[in-house]
Amino acid sequence: MSSQANISPKQTLNPRLRYPSPPPQRQPTWSLSDSPLDPIGSETDGGSSILELTAPFVANYIGPAPPPGSSPHRYVFFLYEQPDGFNEQKYAPRNGQNLGNMHRMRYDLDAWEEEVKLGPVLAMNYFMSN
């Protein structure tokens, strides 16, 4: 199943990657904000767009690291429309510090998504790793 989202270059996007473990352990694996699209080409010539990442991260990227011998883990990318007035400085770690594993494990990602009022999911993808 696939579908195509109409994403405008004027939209500001908020990509996030998460490991969808059972609640309450849904962990942010990567979270960015303020990611405007930079169009390449035009719609008539099959052009595409790239994300221009200039704002601080909310959660720095960590690669997949399932424990040895575990079954495959699924990692899911979500692309949300970012709400107007989103304050990335409020949610970015101080001085650009990386988030530690303990902070990630105790992070309520679903509550945060509600708090900041992220728009609808515009796209998603996943990969498996073990």
Protein backbone atom coordinates (compact mmCIF):
# COMPACT_ATOMS: atom_id res chain seq x y z
CA MET A 1 0.00 0.00 0.00
CA SER A 2 1.31 3.44 -0.80
CA SER A 3 -0.01 6.92 -1.17
CA GLN A 4 1.44 10.26 -2.10
CA ALA A 5 1.25 13.37 0.08
CA ASN A 6 1.06 16.81 -1.46
CA ILE A 7 3.81 18.68 0.34
CA SER A 8 4.30 22.33 -0.45
CA PRO A 9 7.71 24.06 -0.43
CA LYS A 10 6.12 26.59 1.91
CA GLN A 11 5.46 23.95 4.58
CA THR A 12 7.85 23.50 7.46
CA LEU A 13 8.32 19.85 8.30
CA ASN A 14 9.26 17.93 11.40
CA PRO A 15 10.86 14.54 10.60
CA ARG A 16 11.22 11.97 13.36
CA LEU A 17 12.46 8.41 13.65
CA ARG A 18 11.28 6.18 16.44
CA TYR A 19 11.64 2.62 17.61
CA PRO A 20 8.02 1.54 18.22
CA SER A 21 8.49 -0.59 21.32
CA PRO A 22 5.46 -1.32 23.48
CA PRO A 23 4.22 1.56 25.66
CA PRO A 24 5.56 3.18 27.75
CA GLN A 25 8.98 2.67 26.11
CA ARG A 26 8.49 4.36 22.73
CA GLN A 27 11.84 6.03 22.27
CA PRO A 28 12.77 8.96 20.05
CA THR A 29 15.69 7.81 17.91
CA TRP A 30 15.93 11.07 15.97
CA SER A 31 13.89 14.26 15.91
CA LEU A 32 14.42 17.47 13.94
CA SER A 33 12.47 20.67 13.58
CA ASP A 34 12.19 23.65 11.25
CA SER A 35 12.98 21.70 8.08
CA PRO A 36 11.76 23.68 5.06
CA LEU A 37 11.71 22.00 1.67
CA ASP A 38 14.20 23.14 -0.94
CA PRO A 39 12.70 22.27 -4.35
CA ILE A 40 14.96 20.72 -6.98
CA GLY A 41 13.60 20.93 -10.50
CA SER A 42 9.91 21.41 -11.13
CA GLU A 43 6.81 19.30 -10.85
CA THR A 44 6.56 19.13 -14.63
CA ASP A 45 10.00 17.55 -15.04
CA GLY A 46 9.57 15.06 -12.19
CA GLY A 47 11.63 17.18 -9.79
CA SER A 48 11.97 16.31 -6.14
CA SER A 49 12.69 18.17 -2.92
CA ILE A 50 15.23 17.87 -0.16
CA LEU A 51 14.99 18.91 3.48
CA GLU A 52 17.23 21.78 4.49
CA LEU A 53 18.27 21.19 8.10
CA THR A 54 19.28 24.41 9.83
CA ALA A 55 17.52 24.31 13.21
CA PRO A 56 18.89 22.48 16.26
CA PHE A 57 17.84 18.86 16.70
CA VAL A 58 15.29 17.90 19.33
CA ALA A 59 16.80 14.41 19.62
CA ASN A 60 20.12 13.62 17.95
CA TYR A 61 20.28 10.59 15.64
CA ILE A 62 21.46 7.30 17.07
CA GLY A 63 21.82 4.31 14.81
CA PRO A 64 19.94 1.07 15.36
CA ALA A 65 21.46 -1.06 18.11
CA PRO A 66 19.26 -4.03 19.00
CA PRO A 67 20.83 -6.31 21.61
CA PRO A 68 22.82 -9.25 20.17
CA GLY A 69 20.62 -12.26 19.51
CA SER A 70 17.37 -10.30 19.60
CA SER A 71 14.73 -10.55 16.92
CA PRO A 72 14.59 -7.80 14.27
CA HIS A 73 13.61 -4.36 15.53
CA ARG A 74 11.46 -2.05 13.41
CA TYR A 75 12.42 1.64 13.14
CA VAL A 76 9.77 3.99 11.76
CA PHE A 77 10.26 7.41 10.16
CA PHE A 78 7.36 9.88 10.45
CA LEU A 79 7.18 13.20 8.63
CA TYR A 80 4.78 15.68 10.24
CA GLU A 81 3.70 19.14 9.28
CA GLN A 82 5.18 21.43 11.92
CA PRO A 83 2.72 23.85 13.56
CA ASP A 84 3.11 27.60 13.14
CA GLY A 85 4.94 29.15 16.06
CA PHE A 86 6.82 25.97 17.00
CA ASN A 87 9.71 26.97 19.28
CA GLU A 88 12.54 24.53 18.56
CA GLN A 89 14.78 26.25 21.14
CA LYS A 90 12.31 25.25 23.88
CA TYR A 91 12.71 21.55 23.04
CA ALA A 92 16.33 21.37 21.82
CA PRO A 93 18.90 20.09 24.33
CA ARG A 94 20.95 22.82 25.99
CA ASN A 95 24.14 23.70 24.15
CA GLY A 96 23.39 21.06 21.51
CA GLN A 97 24.17 18.20 23.89
CA ASN A 98 23.24 14.71 22.76
CA LEU A 99 20.41 12.91 24.52
CA GLY A 100 21.52 9.96 26.60
CA ASN A 101 19.82 6.57 26.48
CA MET A 102 18.21 6.97 29.92
CA HIS A 103 16.53 10.22 28.86
CA ARG A 104 15.27 8.57 25.68
CA MET A 105 13.90 5.55 27.55
CA ARG A 106 11.87 7.75 29.89
CA TYR A 107 10.69 10.16 27.18
CA ASP A 108 6.95 10.20 26.52
CA LEU A 109 7.05 10.81 22.78
CA ASP A 110 3.29 10.50 22.29
CA ALA A 111 2.63 13.16 24.96
CA TRP A 112 5.25 15.45 23.39
CA GLU A 113 3.67 15.09 19.94
CA GLU A 114 0.34 16.16 21.49
CA GLU A 115 1.89 19.01 23.50
CA VAL A 116 3.51 20.67 20.50
CA LYS A 117 0.44 19.99 18.32
CA LEU A 118 2.25 18.43 15.39
CA GLY A 119 0.19 18.42 12.22
CA PRO A 120 -0.90 15.27 10.42
CA VAL A 121 1.58 12.61 9.34
CA LEU A 122 2.50 13.50 5.76
CA ALA A 123 4.72 10.49 5.06
CA MET A 124 6.23 7.50 6.79
CA ASN A 125 8.67 4.68 6.11
CA TYR A 126 10.39 1.98 8.13
CA PHE A 127 13.30 -0.42 8.18
CA MET A 128 14.15 -3.57 10.13
CA SER A 129 17.46 -4.20 11.89
CA ASN A 130 18.96 -6.81 14.21
